[in-house]
Protein backbone atom coordinates (compact mmCIF):
# COMPACT_ATOMS: atom_id res chain seq x y z
CA MET A 1 24.63 -103.75 -21.25
CA VAL A 2 26.45 -106.13 -18.92
CA GLN A 3 30.05 -105.16 -18.25
CA HIS A 4 32.93 -107.65 -18.36
CA LEU A 5 35.74 -106.37 -16.12
CA VAL A 6 37.92 -109.40 -15.51
CA ASP A 7 40.68 -108.53 -17.99
CA LEU A 8 40.80 -104.91 -16.82
CA LEU A 9 40.93 -105.87 -13.15
CA ASP A 10 43.48 -108.62 -13.84
CA ALA A 11 45.85 -105.96 -15.17
CA TRP A 12 45.08 -103.54 -12.32
CA LEU A 13 45.29 -105.91 -9.35
CA PRO A 14 49.09 -106.44 -9.14
CA THR A 15 49.59 -102.70 -8.48
CA TYR A 16 46.19 -101.77 -7.07
CA GLN A 17 47.72 -100.04 -4.02
CA GLU A 18 49.40 -97.46 -6.22
CA ASP A 19 47.74 -94.14 -7.12
CA TRP A 20 45.21 -95.38 -9.66
CA VAL A 21 42.19 -93.31 -10.66
CA ILE A 22 38.88 -94.77 -11.83
CA ALA A 23 36.76 -93.02 -14.45
CA VAL A 24 33.14 -94.15 -14.65
CA LEU A 25 30.69 -93.15 -17.36
CA THR A 26 27.65 -92.23 -15.24
CA GLN A 27 25.22 -90.77 -17.78
CA VAL A 28 24.73 -90.40 -21.52
CA GLN A 29 22.37 -88.07 -23.35
CA GLY A 30 22.08 -88.87 -27.03
CA SER A 31 24.63 -91.24 -28.51
CA SER A 32 28.11 -92.21 -27.34
CA TYR A 33 30.72 -94.89 -27.99
CA ARG A 34 30.24 -96.47 -24.54
CA LYS A 35 27.18 -96.96 -22.37
CA PRO A 36 26.70 -95.85 -18.74
CA GLY A 37 28.68 -98.05 -16.39
CA ALA A 38 31.75 -98.25 -18.63
CA ILE A 39 34.95 -98.05 -16.58
CA MET A 40 38.50 -96.91 -17.28
CA LEU A 41 41.54 -96.85 -14.99
CA PHE A 42 44.47 -94.42 -15.04
CA HIS A 43 47.91 -94.80 -13.46
CA PRO A 44 49.97 -91.70 -12.55
CA MET A 45 52.84 -92.92 -14.74
CA GLY A 46 50.63 -92.66 -17.81
CA LYS A 47 49.31 -96.20 -18.16
CA SER A 48 45.58 -96.62 -18.74
CA LEU A 49 43.24 -99.59 -18.85
CA GLY A 50 39.98 -99.70 -20.79
CA MET A 51 38.34 -97.01 -22.93
CA LEU A 52 35.43 -94.60 -22.53
CA SER A 53 35.36 -93.28 -26.08
CA GLY A 54 36.85 -94.01 -29.47
CA GLY A 55 40.07 -92.34 -28.36
CA CYS A 56 38.61 -88.82 -28.31
CA LEU A 57 38.54 -88.21 -24.56
CA GLU A 58 41.29 -90.38 -23.17
CA ALA A 59 44.10 -87.79 -23.38
CA ASP A 60 42.01 -85.19 -21.57
CA LEU A 61 40.87 -87.74 -18.98
CA ARG A 62 44.50 -88.64 -18.33
CA ARG A 63 45.18 -84.99 -17.50
CA HIS A 64 42.21 -84.88 -15.12
CA ALA A 65 43.37 -88.12 -13.50
CA GLN A 66 46.53 -86.36 -12.36
CA ARG A 67 44.37 -83.65 -10.77
CA ALA A 68 42.23 -86.27 -9.02
CA ILE A 69 45.39 -87.75 -7.47
CA GLN A 70 46.83 -84.39 -6.43
CA THR A 71 43.62 -83.07 -4.85
CA GLN A 72 42.15 -86.40 -3.64
CA GLN A 73 38.79 -85.00 -4.69
CA VAL A 74 35.98 -86.33 -6.85
CA LEU A 75 35.85 -84.87 -10.36
CA GLN A 76 32.57 -84.61 -12.25
CA LEU A 77 33.21 -84.02 -15.95
CA THR A 78 30.80 -83.31 -18.78
CA TYR A 79 31.70 -83.55 -22.45
CA ASP A 80 29.15 -82.01 -24.79
CA ALA A 81 29.39 -82.87 -28.49
CA THR A 82 25.95 -81.57 -29.46
CA ASP A 83 27.49 -78.31 -30.71
CA GLU A 84 28.86 -79.26 -34.12
CA SER A 85 30.88 -76.05 -34.31
CA ASP A 86 32.87 -77.06 -31.22
CA THR A 87 35.62 -79.46 -32.31
CA SER A 88 37.41 -79.54 -28.94
CA TYR A 89 36.95 -83.26 -28.42
CA GLN A 90 35.49 -84.53 -31.72
CA LEU A 91 33.37 -87.17 -29.99
CA GLY A 92 31.84 -88.23 -33.28
CA CYS A 93 28.57 -89.46 -31.77
CA GLY A 94 27.15 -86.04 -31.00
CA GLY A 95 25.97 -86.79 -27.46
CA ILE A 96 26.63 -85.57 -23.93
CA VAL A 97 28.55 -87.80 -21.53
CA ASN A 98 29.06 -87.40 -17.79
CA ILE A 99 32.10 -89.01 -16.20
CA MET A 100 33.04 -89.31 -12.53
CA MET A 101 36.72 -89.67 -11.65
CA VAL A 102 37.87 -90.85 -8.23
CA SER A 103 41.27 -91.70 -6.79
CA LEU A 104 41.44 -95.32 -5.60
CA ASN A 105 42.99 -95.52 -2.16
CA LYS A 106 42.89 -97.29 1.18
CA ALA A 107 40.49 -94.66 2.61
CA ASN A 108 37.75 -95.66 0.15
CA ASN A 109 38.75 -99.34 0.16
CA TYR A 110 39.72 -99.07 -3.52
CA LEU A 111 35.96 -98.79 -4.16
CA GLY A 112 35.54 -102.49 -3.53
CA LEU A 113 37.15 -103.48 -6.83
CA VAL A 114 39.28 -106.19 -5.20
CA ASN A 115 36.08 -107.88 -4.02
CA VAL A 116 34.53 -107.41 -7.46
CA HIS A 117 37.49 -109.21 -9.03
CA ASP A 118 37.26 -112.05 -6.50
CA ALA A 119 33.53 -112.47 -7.17
CA LEU A 120 33.93 -112.57 -10.93
CA MET A 121 36.78 -115.07 -10.65
CA ARG A 122 34.47 -117.30 -8.59
CA GLY A 123 31.99 -117.15 -11.45
CA ASP A 124 29.47 -114.95 -9.62
CA SER A 125 27.11 -112.59 -11.43
CA GLY A 126 25.72 -109.49 -9.77
CA PHE A 127 25.96 -105.73 -9.63
CA TYR A 128 28.72 -103.27 -8.90
CA GLN A 129 27.15 -100.39 -6.99
CA LEU A 130 28.82 -97.09 -6.16
CA ASN A 131 27.47 -93.73 -5.09
CA ILE A 132 27.80 -90.63 -7.23
CA ALA A 133 29.40 -87.86 -5.16
CA ASP A 134 29.43 -84.14 -5.88
CA ASP A 135 32.28 -82.49 -7.71
CA GLY A 136 34.98 -81.55 -5.21
CA ALA A 137 33.90 -84.07 -2.56
CA PRO A 138 36.74 -85.99 -0.90
CA SER A 139 37.62 -89.27 -2.57
CA HIS A 140 36.57 -91.24 0.50
CA ALA A 141 33.01 -89.92 0.05
CA VAL A 142 32.61 -92.53 -2.71
CA SER A 143 32.20 -96.20 -1.84
CA GLY A 144 31.65 -99.26 -3.98
CA LYS A 145 30.48 -102.81 -3.38
CA PHE A 146 29.55 -106.00 -5.20
CA ILE A 147 25.98 -107.27 -4.83
CA GLN A 148 25.72 -110.94 -5.71
CA GLN A 149 22.89 -112.23 -7.86
CA ASN A 150 20.35 -114.06 -5.71
CA GLN A 151 19.75 -117.74 -6.26
CA ASP A 152 16.02 -117.18 -5.77
CA GLY A 153 15.91 -114.91 -8.83
CA GLN A 154 14.97 -111.71 -7.00
CA ILE A 155 18.18 -110.10 -8.25
CA THR A 156 18.96 -111.37 -11.74
CA VAL A 157 21.56 -110.27 -14.27
CA THR A 158 20.95 -111.03 -17.94
CA LEU A 159 22.82 -109.97 -21.07
CA ASN A 160 20.23 -107.22 -21.55
CA THR A 161 20.39 -105.83 -18.02
CA LYS A 162 21.27 -102.13 -18.12
CA THR A 163 23.12 -99.87 -15.75
CA GLN A 164 20.68 -97.91 -13.62
CA LYS A 165 20.65 -94.95 -11.28
CA VAL A 166 18.67 -95.34 -8.08
CA ILE A 167 18.05 -93.01 -5.14
CA GLU A 168 18.46 -94.45 -1.66
CA GLN A 169 18.58 -92.39 1.53
CA ASP A 170 19.37 -89.18 -0.35
CA LYS A 171 22.23 -90.88 -2.24
CA THR A 172 22.39 -91.40 -5.98
CA LEU A 173 23.69 -94.90 -6.66
CA LEU A 174 24.97 -96.25 -9.96
CA THR A 175 24.22 -99.96 -10.30
CA ILE A 176 26.31 -101.70 -12.98
CA PRO A 177 25.45 -105.29 -14.00
CA LEU A 178 28.40 -107.68 -14.05
CA ARG A 179 28.88 -111.20 -15.34
CA PRO A 180 31.98 -113.40 -15.29
CA PRO A 181 33.69 -114.37 -18.56
CA VAL A 182 31.86 -116.91 -20.69
CA HIS A 183 33.67 -120.24 -20.99
CA ILE A 184 33.49 -122.37 -24.11
CA GLY A 185 34.69 -125.90 -24.68
CA ILE A 186 36.18 -126.82 -28.05
CA PHE A 187 36.35 -130.55 -28.74
CA GLY A 188 38.77 -131.66 -31.44
CA GLY A 189 41.57 -129.96 -33.29
CA GLY A 190 40.31 -129.84 -36.85
CA LEU A 191 40.54 -126.99 -39.31
CA ASP A 192 37.26 -125.50 -38.10
CA ALA A 193 38.23 -125.63 -34.41
CA LYS A 194 41.51 -123.72 -34.68
CA PRO A 195 40.11 -120.37 -35.87
CA ILE A 196 37.40 -120.53 -33.19
CA ALA A 197 40.04 -121.02 -30.51
CA GLN A 198 41.99 -118.08 -31.90
CA MET A 199 38.97 -115.77 -32.03
CA ALA A 200 37.58 -116.60 -28.58
CA PRO A 201 39.94 -114.40 -26.48
CA SER A 202 39.20 -111.31 -28.58
CA HIS A 203 35.49 -111.76 -27.79
CA GLY A 204 36.02 -112.03 -24.03
CA LEU A 205 35.70 -115.82 -23.96
CA GLU A 206 37.93 -118.22 -22.09
CA ASN A 207 38.33 -121.37 -24.17
CA HIS A 208 39.27 -124.89 -23.21
CA CYS A 209 40.33 -127.30 -25.94
CA PHE A 210 39.86 -131.05 -25.65
């Protein structure tokens, strides 16, 4: 599923040079609330942006985010909800999820998220690609970049494009499809137009009324 990150990155960008930590859902076995490629951001003062579950994992992830900042190391986390007798996290969906957490810093160029934001604000579609590093690797071992959709159609992002893992030069890369926000134009101010304008932001749409 294509990810829409503009709102999340809008909130992150004003303080992006602070000690934020990114959590990326890299793999799912069975069912889960979010699909691979879902992203969440954690600030050391307790603020978080986005969600990776229905509220089941976020408190534990916040604790691990502090460790990622203190150690400046990559964390690879696995949450297994297939054992119904284990109620530690109460995932609800009964699947296994793998999450990578990395401190965002100057050494890893903030994983290229500033460039991702710029591209989406220009209206570009493409892919956010980052490598999956081993648990305990230094945070600068992870890098991220935006790959723009080609005009010739060789690289195309559709609403059904899924996050994929690919192997290149002995590296495992996670490739997350991205599209900018959808814009809608609402002409007129009648009774039917007003509720549409009110609903649009909650569905990730930027509306323009005429």
